[in-house]
Amino acid sequence: MRNSIALSPESCPLSRLENVQPTMAKASLNKIEQAGRQTLGRVVRRCFEIAGLSQKEAAARVNRDQAQVARWISGDERAQVDTLLAVDALRQPLLLALAELAGDGVAVQTTITVRRTV
């Protein structure tokens, strides 16, 4: 003999889901984003050091206000990496600064080659 239980639609747990409105799950990335902006700010500062530029000179090169560049360096605002890469004089210093950030396993070497023509 088989036992069965009759369920009404009201007693079924899945029927309660019909009235639930879907919402997006939100994750707070503020701490992660802030840490990333601060790290990028250190890279930007190091880039300017390698290029031999003051913050004011660097701001002029990237055609930005010095206050905005200061916010990049402090991590208060996300640095515009595409803007930095667009300036020829900052491209190599930026790549060197990023390589230094990589730490162990990445060696930054400067090589000078002199070619003599006879």
Protein backbone atom coordinates (compact mmCIF):
# COMPACT_ATOMS: atom_id res chain seq x y z
CA MET A 1 0.00 0.00 0.00
CA ARG A 2 1.26 3.38 -0.92
CA ASN A 3 1.01 6.43 1.35
CA SER A 4 0.49 9.77 -0.24
CA ILE A 5 0.03 13.25 1.09
CA ALA A 6 -1.99 15.77 -0.77
CA LEU A 7 -0.44 19.25 -0.80
CA SER A 8 -2.38 22.32 -1.51
CA PRO A 9 -0.69 25.12 -3.50
CA GLU A 10 -0.71 27.29 -0.38
CA SER A 11 1.27 24.76 1.63
CA CYS A 12 3.93 24.24 -1.01
CA PRO A 13 7.11 26.26 -0.18
CA LEU A 14 7.81 26.97 -3.86
CA SER A 15 4.50 28.77 -4.24
CA ARG A 16 5.77 31.45 -1.85
CA LEU A 17 8.58 32.33 -4.25
CA GLU A 18 6.13 33.66 -6.82
CA ASN A 19 5.75 36.88 -4.86
CA VAL A 20 9.46 37.43 -4.29
CA GLN A 21 11.06 40.15 -6.40
CA PRO A 22 14.58 39.35 -7.61
CA THR A 23 17.32 41.75 -6.53
CA MET A 24 20.97 42.05 -7.45
CA ALA A 25 23.47 40.80 -4.91
CA LYS A 26 25.74 43.61 -3.81
CA ALA A 27 29.30 43.21 -2.65
CA SER A 28 31.13 45.99 -0.91
CA LEU A 29 34.34 46.50 -2.82
CA ASN A 30 35.22 49.80 -1.21
CA LYS A 31 38.13 48.40 0.84
CA ILE A 32 39.48 46.41 -2.10
CA GLU A 33 39.07 49.33 -4.48
CA GLN A 34 40.71 51.74 -2.04
CA ALA A 35 43.69 49.41 -1.58
CA GLY A 36 44.01 49.08 -5.36
CA ARG A 37 43.88 52.85 -5.87
CA GLN A 38 46.53 53.36 -3.18
CA THR A 39 48.80 50.76 -4.79
CA LEU A 40 48.32 52.35 -8.18
CA GLY A 41 49.04 55.73 -6.60
CA ARG A 42 52.42 54.45 -5.39
CA VAL A 43 53.13 53.21 -8.92
CA VAL A 44 52.26 56.62 -10.37
CA ARG A 45 54.48 58.39 -7.84
CA ARG A 46 57.34 56.00 -8.64
CA CYS A 47 56.74 56.54 -12.37
CA PHE A 48 57.21 60.28 -11.92
CA GLU A 49 60.35 59.70 -9.84
CA ILE A 50 61.86 57.46 -12.52
CA ALA A 51 61.00 60.05 -15.18
CA GLY A 52 62.65 62.74 -13.07
CA LEU A 53 59.48 64.83 -12.93
CA SER A 54 57.97 66.75 -10.07
CA GLN A 55 54.28 66.32 -9.46
CA LYS A 56 53.67 69.73 -11.04
CA GLU A 57 55.74 68.86 -14.13
CA ALA A 58 54.03 65.49 -14.47
CA ALA A 59 50.60 67.12 -14.22
CA ALA A 60 51.55 69.44 -17.07
CA ARG A 61 52.73 66.48 -19.19
CA VAL A 62 49.44 64.61 -18.77
CA ASN A 63 47.44 67.82 -19.18
CA ARG A 64 45.73 67.44 -15.80
CA ASP A 65 45.40 69.68 -12.79
CA GLN A 66 48.09 69.15 -10.15
CA ALA A 67 45.38 68.56 -7.54
CA GLN A 68 43.97 65.70 -9.61
CA VAL A 69 47.41 64.12 -9.98
CA ALA A 70 47.84 64.46 -6.20
CA ARG A 71 44.55 62.57 -5.75
CA TRP A 72 45.88 59.82 -8.06
CA ILE A 73 49.02 59.50 -5.96
CA SER A 74 47.13 59.47 -2.65
CA GLY A 75 44.65 56.89 -3.91
CA ASP A 76 41.69 59.21 -3.40
CA GLU A 77 40.96 58.93 -7.12
CA ARG A 78 41.72 56.14 -9.60
CA ALA A 79 44.72 57.06 -11.70
CA GLN A 80 44.04 57.28 -15.42
CA VAL A 81 46.59 54.77 -16.65
CA ASP A 82 45.58 55.28 -20.28
CA THR A 83 46.43 58.97 -19.90
CA LEU A 84 49.86 58.12 -18.51
CA LEU A 85 50.53 55.61 -21.29
CA ALA A 86 49.63 58.20 -23.92
CA VAL A 87 52.64 60.31 -22.92
CA ASP A 88 55.79 58.89 -24.53
CA ALA A 89 58.06 60.20 -21.75
CA LEU A 90 56.02 58.32 -19.11
CA ARG A 91 55.45 55.00 -20.87
CA GLN A 92 58.76 53.35 -19.93
CA PRO A 93 58.86 54.79 -16.39
CA LEU A 94 55.34 53.50 -15.81
CA LEU A 95 56.25 50.02 -17.00
CA LEU A 96 59.35 50.04 -14.78
CA ALA A 97 57.29 51.15 -11.78
CA LEU A 98 54.79 48.34 -12.42
CA ALA A 99 57.62 45.82 -12.76
CA GLU A 100 59.05 46.96 -9.41
CA LEU A 101 55.62 46.43 -7.88
CA ALA A 102 55.68 42.79 -8.98
CA GLY A 103 58.36 42.07 -6.36
CA ASP A 104 60.08 38.71 -6.17
CA GLY A 105 60.48 36.88 -9.43
CA VAL A 106 60.79 40.04 -11.51
CA ALA A 107 64.18 41.65 -11.95
CA VAL A 108 64.42 45.17 -13.27
CA GLN A 109 67.73 45.67 -15.05
CA THR A 110 69.14 48.67 -16.82
CA THR A 111 71.45 47.84 -19.70
CA ILE A 112 73.54 50.35 -21.58
CA THR A 113 74.83 49.30 -24.98
CA VAL A 114 77.39 51.37 -26.83
CA ARG A 115 77.72 50.67 -30.53
CA ARG A 116 80.81 51.94 -32.25
CA THR A 117 80.83 52.50 -35.91
CA VAL A 118 84.19 52.42 -37.62
